[in-house]
PDB file of N, CA and C in Angstrom:
ATOM      1  N   MET A   1       0.839  -1.185   0.000  1.00  0.00           N
ATOM      2  CA  MET A   1       0.000   0.000   0.000  1.00  0.00           C
ATOM      3  C   MET A   1       0.877   1.240   0.000  1.00  0.00           C
ATOM      4  N   GLN A   2       0.531   2.174  -0.843  1.00  0.00           N
ATOM      5  CA  GLN A   2       1.311   3.398  -0.999  1.00  0.00           C
ATOM      6  C   GLN A   2       0.877   4.430   0.039  1.00  0.00           C
ATOM      7  N   HIS A   3       1.852   5.083   0.676  1.00  0.00           N
ATOM      8  CA  HIS A   3       1.554   6.111   1.664  1.00  0.00           C
ATOM      9  C   HIS A   3       1.675   7.483   1.005  1.00  0.00           C
ATOM     10  N   LEU A   4       0.640   8.292   1.162  1.00  0.00           N
ATOM     11  CA  LEU A   4       0.645   9.646   0.619  1.00  0.00           C
ATOM     12  C   LEU A   4       0.653  10.632   1.782  1.00  0.00           C
ATOM     13  N   ASP A   5       1.515  11.608   1.724  1.00  0.00           N
ATOM     14  CA  ASP A   5       1.657  12.569   2.810  1.00  0.00           C
ATOM     15  C   ASP A   5       0.733  13.766   2.576  1.00  0.00           C
ATOM     16  N   MET A   6      -0.586  13.544   2.784  1.00  0.00           N
ATOM     17  CA  MET A   6      -1.576  14.627   2.658  1.00  0.00           C
ATOM     18  C   MET A   6      -2.834  14.219   3.402  1.00  0.00           C
ATOM     19  N   THR A   7      -3.610  15.221   3.771  1.00  0.00           N
ATOM     20  CA  THR A   7      -4.879  14.956   4.443  1.00  0.00           C
ATOM     21  C   THR A   7      -5.930  14.573   3.407  1.00  0.00           C
ATOM     22  N   VAL A   8      -7.050  14.045   3.880  1.00  0.00           N
ATOM     23  CA  VAL A   8      -8.158  13.717   2.986  1.00  0.00           C
ATOM     24  C   VAL A   8      -8.629  14.977   2.271  1.00  0.00           C
ATOM     25  N   GLU A   9      -8.738  16.073   3.010  1.00  0.00           N
ATOM     26  CA  GLU A   9      -9.177  17.339   2.419  1.00  0.00           C
ATOM     27  C   GLU A   9      -8.224  17.784   1.310  1.00  0.00           C
ATOM     28  N   GLU A  10      -6.930  17.662   1.545  1.00  0.00           N
ATOM     29  CA  GLU A  10      -5.946  18.032   0.532  1.00  0.00           C
ATOM     30  C   GLU A  10      -6.056  17.117  -0.689  1.00  0.00           C
ATOM     31  N   GLY A  11      -6.277  15.825  -0.447  1.00  0.00           N
ATOM     32  CA  GLY A  11      -6.433  14.880  -1.547  1.00  0.00           C
ATOM     33  C   GLY A  11      -7.648  15.197  -2.403  1.00  0.00           C
ATOM     34  N   ILE A  12      -8.758  15.520  -1.759  1.00  0.00           N
ATOM     35  CA  ILE A  12      -9.971  15.894  -2.501  1.00  0.00           C
ATOM     36  C   ILE A  12      -9.735  17.173  -3.288  1.00  0.00           C
ATOM     37  N   GLY A  13      -9.032  18.111  -2.677  1.00  0.00           N
ATOM     38  CA  GLY A  13      -8.695  19.355  -3.388  1.00  0.00           C
ATOM     39  C   GLY A  13      -7.859  19.086  -4.628  1.00  0.00           C
ATOM     40  N   GLU A  14      -6.887  18.178  -4.506  1.00  0.00           N
ATOM     41  CA  GLU A  14      -6.052  17.814  -5.651  1.00  0.00           C
ATOM     42  C   GLU A  14      -6.887  17.161  -6.745  1.00  0.00           C
ATOM     43  N   LEU A  15      -7.748  16.215  -6.351  1.00  0.00           N
ATOM     44  CA  LEU A  15      -8.581  15.524  -7.336  1.00  0.00           C
ATOM     45  C   LEU A  15      -9.565  16.471  -8.025  1.00  0.00           C
ATOM     46  N   SER A  16      -9.969  17.531  -7.338  1.00  0.00           N
ATOM     47  CA  SER A  16     -10.915  18.475  -7.937  1.00  0.00           C
ATOM     48  C   SER A  16     -10.291  19.281  -9.074  1.00  0.00           C
ATOM     49  N   THR A  17      -8.965  19.243  -9.193  1.00  0.00           N
ATOM     50  CA  THR A  17      -8.310  19.968 -10.285  1.00  0.00           C
ATOM     51  C   THR A  17      -8.314  19.169 -11.587  1.00  0.00           C
ATOM     52  N   LEU A  18      -8.694  17.895 -11.518  1.00  0.00           N
ATOM     53  CA  LEU A  18      -8.754  17.065 -12.712  1.00  0.00           C
ATOM     54  C   LEU A  18      -9.890  17.548 -13.604  1.00  0.00           C
ATOM     55  N   CYS A  19      -9.637  17.665 -14.891  1.00  0.00           N
ATOM     56  CA  CYS A  19     -10.652  18.191 -15.796  1.00  0.00           C
ATOM     57  C   CYS A  19     -10.638  17.420 -17.109  1.00  0.00           C
ATOM     58  N   ALA A  20     -11.506  17.808 -18.011  1.00  0.00           N
ATOM     59  CA  ALA A  20     -11.558  17.238 -19.355  1.00  0.00           C
ATOM     60  C   ALA A  20     -11.688  18.381 -20.349  1.00  0.00           C
ATOM     61  N   ASN A  21     -11.116  18.206 -21.514  1.00  0.00           N
ATOM     62  CA  ASN A  21     -11.208  19.205 -22.583  1.00  0.00           C
ATOM     63  C   ASN A  21     -12.153  18.682 -23.662  1.00  0.00           C
ATOM     64  N   GLU A  22     -13.162  19.496 -24.009  1.00  0.00           N
ATOM     65  CA  GLU A  22     -14.087  19.074 -25.061  1.00  0.00           C
ATOM     66  C   GLU A  22     -13.435  19.322 -26.420  1.00  0.00           C
ATOM     67  N   VAL A  23     -13.445  18.295 -27.243  1.00  0.00           N
ATOM     68  CA  VAL A  23     -12.856  18.363 -28.571  1.00  0.00           C
ATOM     69  C   VAL A  23     -13.959  18.084 -29.576  1.00  0.00           C
ATOM     70  N   SER A  24     -14.061  18.940 -30.614  1.00  0.00           N
ATOM     71  CA  SER A  24     -15.079  18.705 -31.641  1.00  0.00           C
ATOM     72  C   SER A  24     -14.392  18.468 -32.981  1.00  0.00           C
ATOM     73  N   PHE A  25     -15.031  17.632 -33.795  1.00  0.00           N
ATOM     74  CA  PHE A  25     -14.534  17.288 -35.118  1.00  0.00           C
ATOM     75  C   PHE A  25     -15.545  17.749 -36.146  1.00  0.00           C
ATOM     76  N   ASN A  26     -15.125  18.609 -37.056  1.00  0.00           N
ATOM     77  CA  ASN A  26     -16.000  19.143 -38.112  1.00  0.00           C
ATOM     78  C   ASN A  26     -17.232  19.832 -37.533  1.00  0.00           C
ATOM     79  N   GLY A  27     -17.127  20.340 -36.297  1.00  0.00           N
ATOM     80  CA  GLY A  27     -18.231  21.056 -35.670  1.00  0.00           C
ATOM     81  C   GLY A  27     -19.398  20.186 -35.252  1.00  0.00           C
ATOM     82  N   LYS A  28     -19.314  18.884 -35.427  1.00  0.00           N
ATOM     83  CA  LYS A  28     -20.436  17.995 -35.113  1.00  0.00           C
ATOM     84  C   LYS A  28     -20.093  17.022 -33.998  1.00  0.00           C
ATOM     85  N   GLU A  29     -19.232  16.079 -34.278  1.00  0.00           N
ATOM     86  CA  GLU A  29     -18.893  15.050 -33.308  1.00  0.00           C
ATOM     87  C   GLU A  29     -18.032  15.643 -32.204  1.00  0.00           C
ATOM     88  N   LYS A  30     -18.347  15.284 -30.975  1.00  0.00           N
ATOM     89  CA  LYS A  30     -17.609  15.812 -29.831  1.00  0.00           C
ATOM     90  C   LYS A  30     -17.197  14.683 -28.908  1.00  0.00           C
ATOM     91  N   CYS A  31     -16.076  14.896 -28.224  1.00  0.00           N
ATOM     92  CA  CYS A  31     -15.643  13.979 -27.187  1.00  0.00           C
ATOM     93  C   CYS A  31     -14.911  14.787 -26.120  1.00  0.00           C
ATOM     94  N   ASN A  32     -14.712  14.200 -24.964  1.00  0.00           N
ATOM     95  CA  ASN A  32     -13.976  14.843 -23.884  1.00  0.00           C
ATOM     96  C   ASN A  32     -12.641  14.130 -23.720  1.00  0.00           C
ATOM     97  N   GLN A  33     -11.565  14.882 -23.921  1.00  0.00           N
ATOM     98  CA  GLN A  33     -10.223  14.328 -23.777  1.00  0.00           C
ATOM     99  C   GLN A  33      -9.721  14.640 -22.371  1.00  0.00           C
ATOM    100  N   ILE A  34      -9.205  13.633 -21.693  1.00  0.00           N
ATOM    101  CA  ILE A  34      -8.678  13.813 -20.347  1.00  0.00           C
ATOM    102  C   ILE A  34      -7.166  14.001 -20.457  1.00  0.00           C
ATOM    103  N   PRO A  35      -6.659  15.184 -20.090  1.00  0.00           N
ATOM    104  CA  PRO A  35      -5.221  15.412 -20.194  1.00  0.00           C
ATOM    105  C   PRO A  35      -4.441  14.620 -19.142  1.00  0.00           C
ATOM    106  N   GLU A  36      -3.151  14.511 -19.321  1.00  0.00           N
ATOM    107  CA  GLU A  36      -2.278  13.832 -18.369  1.00  0.00           C
ATOM    108  C   GLU A  36      -2.375  14.558 -17.029  1.00  0.00           C
ATOM    109  N   PRO A  37      -2.781  13.868 -15.955  1.00  0.00           N
ATOM    110  CA  PRO A  37      -2.914  14.542 -14.658  1.00  0.00           C
ATOM    111  C   PRO A  37      -1.549  14.902 -14.077  1.00  0.00           C
ATOM    112  N   ARG A  38      -1.536  15.939 -13.241  1.00  0.00           N
ATOM    113  CA  ARG A  38      -0.288  16.313 -12.577  1.00  0.00           C
ATOM    114  C   ARG A  38       0.146  15.179 -11.657  1.00  0.00           C
ATOM    115  N   THR A  39       1.392  15.209 -11.231  1.00  0.00           N
ATOM    116  CA  THR A  39       1.990  14.114 -10.457  1.00  0.00           C
ATOM    117  C   THR A  39       1.203  13.782  -9.200  1.00  0.00           C
ATOM    118  N   SER A  40       0.761  14.799  -8.449  1.00  0.00           N
ATOM    119  CA  SER A  40       0.044  14.539  -7.195  1.00  0.00           C
ATOM    120  C   SER A  40      -1.284  13.829  -7.445  1.00  0.00           C
ATOM    121  N   VAL A  41      -1.987  14.210  -8.504  1.00  0.00           N
ATOM    122  CA  VAL A  41      -3.257  13.570  -8.848  1.00  0.00           C
ATOM    123  C   VAL A  41      -2.994  12.148  -9.339  1.00  0.00           C
ATOM    124  N   LYS A  42      -1.948  11.973 -10.124  1.00  0.00           N
ATOM    125  CA  LYS A  42      -1.598  10.649 -10.632  1.00  0.00           C
ATOM    126  C   LYS A  42      -1.303   9.689  -9.478  1.00  0.00           C
ATOM    127  N   LYS A  43      -0.600  10.166  -8.442  1.00  0.00           N
ATOM    128  CA  LYS A  43      -0.295   9.330  -7.278  1.00  0.00           C
ATOM    129  C   LYS A  43      -1.569   8.927  -6.538  1.00  0.00           C
ATOM    130  N   LEU A  44      -2.510   9.856  -6.402  1.00  0.00           N
ATOM    131  CA  LEU A  44      -3.776   9.544  -5.742  1.00  0.00           C
ATOM    132  C   LEU A  44      -4.562   8.497  -6.528  1.00  0.00           C
ATOM    133  N   LEU A  45      -4.612   8.653  -7.839  1.00  0.00           N
ATOM    134  CA  LEU A  45      -5.333   7.703  -8.679  1.00  0.00           C
ATOM    135  C   LEU A  45      -4.683   6.324  -8.627  1.00  0.00           C
ATOM    136  N   GLU A  46      -3.355   6.282  -8.634  1.00  0.00           N
ATOM    137  CA  GLU A  46      -2.636   5.013  -8.540  1.00  0.00           C
ATOM    138  C   GLU A  46      -2.901   4.341  -7.187  1.00  0.00           C
ATOM    139  N   ALA A  47      -2.913   5.127  -6.106  1.00  0.00           N
ATOM    140  CA  ALA A  47      -3.161   4.582  -4.769  1.00  0.00           C
ATOM    141  C   ALA A  47      -4.566   3.986  -4.673  1.00  0.00           C
ATOM    142  N   ALA A  48      -5.518   4.570  -5.403  1.00  0.00           N
ATOM    143  CA  ALA A  48      -6.895   4.064  -5.411  1.00  0.00           C
ATOM    144  C   ALA A  48      -7.114   3.011  -6.502  1.00  0.00           C
ATOM    145  N   ASN A  49      -6.040   2.689  -7.234  1.00  0.00           N
ATOM    146  CA  ASN A  49      -6.095   1.714  -8.321  1.00  0.00           C
ATOM    147  C   ASN A  49      -7.136   2.104  -9.378  1.00  0.00           C
ATOM    148  N   ILE A  50      -7.097   3.377  -9.775  1.00  0.00           N
ATOM    149  CA  ILE A  50      -8.033   3.909 -10.772  1.00  0.00           C
ATOM    150  C   ILE A  50      -7.260   4.257 -12.031  1.00  0.00           C
ATOM    151  N   GLN A  51      -7.750   3.768 -13.171  1.00  0.00           N
ATOM    152  CA  GLN A  51      -7.172   4.123 -14.462  1.00  0.00           C
ATOM    153  C   GLN A  51      -8.204   4.940 -15.225  1.00  0.00           C
ATOM    154  N   LEU A  52      -7.812   6.136 -15.631  1.00  0.00           N
ATOM    155  CA  LEU A  52      -8.717   6.991 -16.385  1.00  0.00           C
ATOM    156  C   LEU A  52      -8.597   6.692 -17.874  1.00  0.00           C
ATOM    157  N   PRO A  53      -9.714   6.761 -18.591  1.00  0.00           N
ATOM    158  CA  PRO A  53      -9.630   6.600 -20.051  1.00  0.00           C
ATOM    159  C   PRO A  53      -9.019   7.865 -20.661  1.00  0.00           C
ATOM    160  N   ASP A  54      -8.491   7.740 -21.863  1.00  0.00           N
ATOM    161  CA  ASP A  54      -7.944   8.911 -22.556  1.00  0.00           C
ATOM    162  C   ASP A  54      -9.055   9.816 -23.075  1.00  0.00           C
ATOM    163  N   VAL A  55     -10.185   9.202 -23.453  1.00  0.00           N
ATOM    164  CA  VAL A  55     -11.285   9.942 -24.077  1.00  0.00           C
ATOM    165  C   VAL A  55     -12.609   9.430 -23.522  1.00  0.00           C
ATOM    166  N   LEU A  56     -13.559  10.360 -23.342  1.00  0.00           N
ATOM    167  CA  LEU A  56     -14.924  10.021 -22.937  1.00  0.00           C
ATOM    168  C   LEU A  56     -15.895  10.599 -23.954  1.00  0.00           C
ATOM    169  N   PRO A  57     -17.037   9.959 -24.186  1.00  0.00           N
ATOM    170  CA  PRO A  57     -18.024  10.541 -25.095  1.00  0.00           C
ATOM    171  C   PRO A  57     -18.614  11.814 -24.500  1.00  0.00           C
ATOM    172  N   SER A  58     -18.964  12.737 -25.347  1.00  0.00           N
ATOM    173  CA  SER A  58     -19.588  13.982 -24.897  1.00  0.00           C
ATOM    174  C   SER A  58     -21.097  13.833 -24.949  1.00  0.00           C
ATOM    175  N   ARG A  59     -21.760  14.211 -23.879  1.00  0.00           N
ATOM    176  CA  ARG A  59     -23.221  14.131 -23.814  1.00  0.00           C
ATOM    177  C   ARG A  59     -23.864  15.487 -24.118  1.00  0.00           C
ATOM    178  N   GLY A  60     -23.060  16.528 -24.268  1.00  0.00           N
ATOM    179  CA  GLY A  60     -23.602  17.846 -24.578  1.00  0.00           C
ATOM    180  C   GLY A  60     -24.251  18.530 -23.391  1.00  0.00           C
ATOM    181  N   VAL A  61     -23.974  18.059 -22.184  1.00  0.00           N
ATOM    182  CA  VAL A  61     -24.564  18.623 -20.973  1.00  0.00           C
ATOM    183  C   VAL A  61     -23.672  19.742 -20.462  1.00  0.00           C
ATOM    184  N   ILE A  62     -24.274  20.876 -20.137  1.00  0.00           N
ATOM    185  CA  ILE A  62     -23.534  22.005 -19.590  1.00  0.00           C
ATOM    186  C   ILE A  62     -23.761  22.025 -18.084  1.00  0.00           C
ATOM    187  N   VAL A  63     -22.677  22.020 -17.328  1.00  0.00           N
ATOM    188  CA  VAL A  63     -22.753  22.029 -15.872  1.00  0.00           C
ATOM    189  C   VAL A  63     -22.220  23.371 -15.378  1.00  0.00           C
ATOM    190  N   THR A  64     -23.023  24.053 -14.584  1.00  0.00           N
ATOM    191  CA  THR A  64     -22.612  25.332 -14.025  1.00  0.00           C
ATOM    192  C   THR A  64     -22.475  25.179 -12.526  1.00  0.00           C
ATOM    193  N   THR A  65     -21.305  25.513 -12.009  1.00  0.00           N
ATOM    194  CA  THR A  65     -21.072  25.376 -10.572  1.00  0.00           C
ATOM    195  C   THR A  65     -20.865  26.713  -9.892  1.00  0.00           C
ATOM    196  N   LYS A  66     -20.892  27.797 -10.621  1.00  0.00           N
ATOM    197  CA  LYS A  66     -20.634  29.114 -10.052  1.00  0.00           C
ATOM    198  C   LYS A  66     -21.916  29.835  -9.630  1.00  0.00           C
ATOM    199  N   LYS A  67     -23.072  29.201  -9.847  1.00  0.00           N
ATOM    200  CA  LYS A  67     -24.353  29.818  -9.505  1.00  0.00           C
ATOM    201  C   LYS A  67     -24.580  29.799  -8.011  1.00  0.00           C
ATOM    202  N   LYS A  68     -25.063  30.904  -7.461  1.00  0.00           N
ATOM    203  CA  LYS A  68     -25.387  30.947  -6.039  1.00  0.00           C
ATOM    204  C   LYS A  68     -26.736  30.271  -5.821  1.00  0.00           C
ATOM    205  N   LEU A  69     -26.790  29.410  -4.832  1.00  0.00           N
ATOM    206  CA  LEU A  69     -28.008  28.649  -4.556  1.00  0.00           C
ATOM    207  C   LEU A  69     -28.950  29.371  -3.606  1.00  0.00           C
ATOM    208  N   THR A  70     -28.488  30.402  -2.926  1.00  0.00           N
ATOM    209  CA  THR A  70     -29.322  31.050  -1.912  1.00  0.00           C
ATOM    210  C   THR A  70     -30.605  31.633  -2.475  1.00  0.00           C
ATOM    211  N   SER A  71     -30.618  32.062  -3.734  1.00  0.00           N
ATOM    212  CA  SER A  71     -31.835  32.639  -4.306  1.00  0.00           C
ATOM    213  C   SER A  71     -32.906  31.578  -4.543  1.00  0.00           C
ATOM    214  N   ARG A  72     -32.507  30.291  -4.611  1.00  0.00           N
ATOM    215  CA  ARG A  72     -33.474  29.219  -4.844  1.00  0.00           C
ATOM    216  C   ARG A  72     -33.887  28.516  -3.561  1.00  0.00           C
ATOM    217  N   ARG A  73     -33.280  28.867  -2.452  1.00  0.00           N
ATOM    218  CA  ARG A  73     -33.601  28.228  -1.178  1.00  0.00           C
ATOM    219  C   ARG A  73     -34.742  28.980  -0.490  1.00  0.00           C
ATOM    220  N   LYS A  74     -35.537  28.230   0.256  1.00  0.00           N
ATOM    221  CA  LYS A  74     -36.632  28.850   1.010  1.00  0.00           C
ATOM    222  C   LYS A  74     -36.077  29.500   2.258  1.00  0.00           C
ATOM    223  N   VAL A  75     -36.521  30.701   2.534  1.00  0.00           N
ATOM    224  CA  VAL A  75     -36.094  31.409   3.748  1.00  0.00           C
ATOM    225  C   VAL A  75     -37.130  31.175   4.819  1.00  0.00           C
ATOM    226  N   LYS A  76     -36.669  30.801   6.023  1.00  0.00           N
ATOM    227  CA  LYS A  76     -37.606  30.536   7.116  1.00  0.00           C
ATOM    228  C   LYS A  76     -37.957  31.797   7.851  1.00  0.00           C
TER     229      LYS A  76
END
């Protein structure tokens, strides 16, 4: 078992930097390419015995994470 010198919170923070780049061909076909992860992320993935694919199919879904949720929550 590999020992990593970081907290769980730090590990989650590192993993959150992993991303995918959307690539389109002739403006129609799309896929998500996963770039080579940085060393710290690669070590975490290896410790968890996870292998990422080089490419994932694109579903055309847009995810927004910068929206504030307070306007949609009920105020008591």
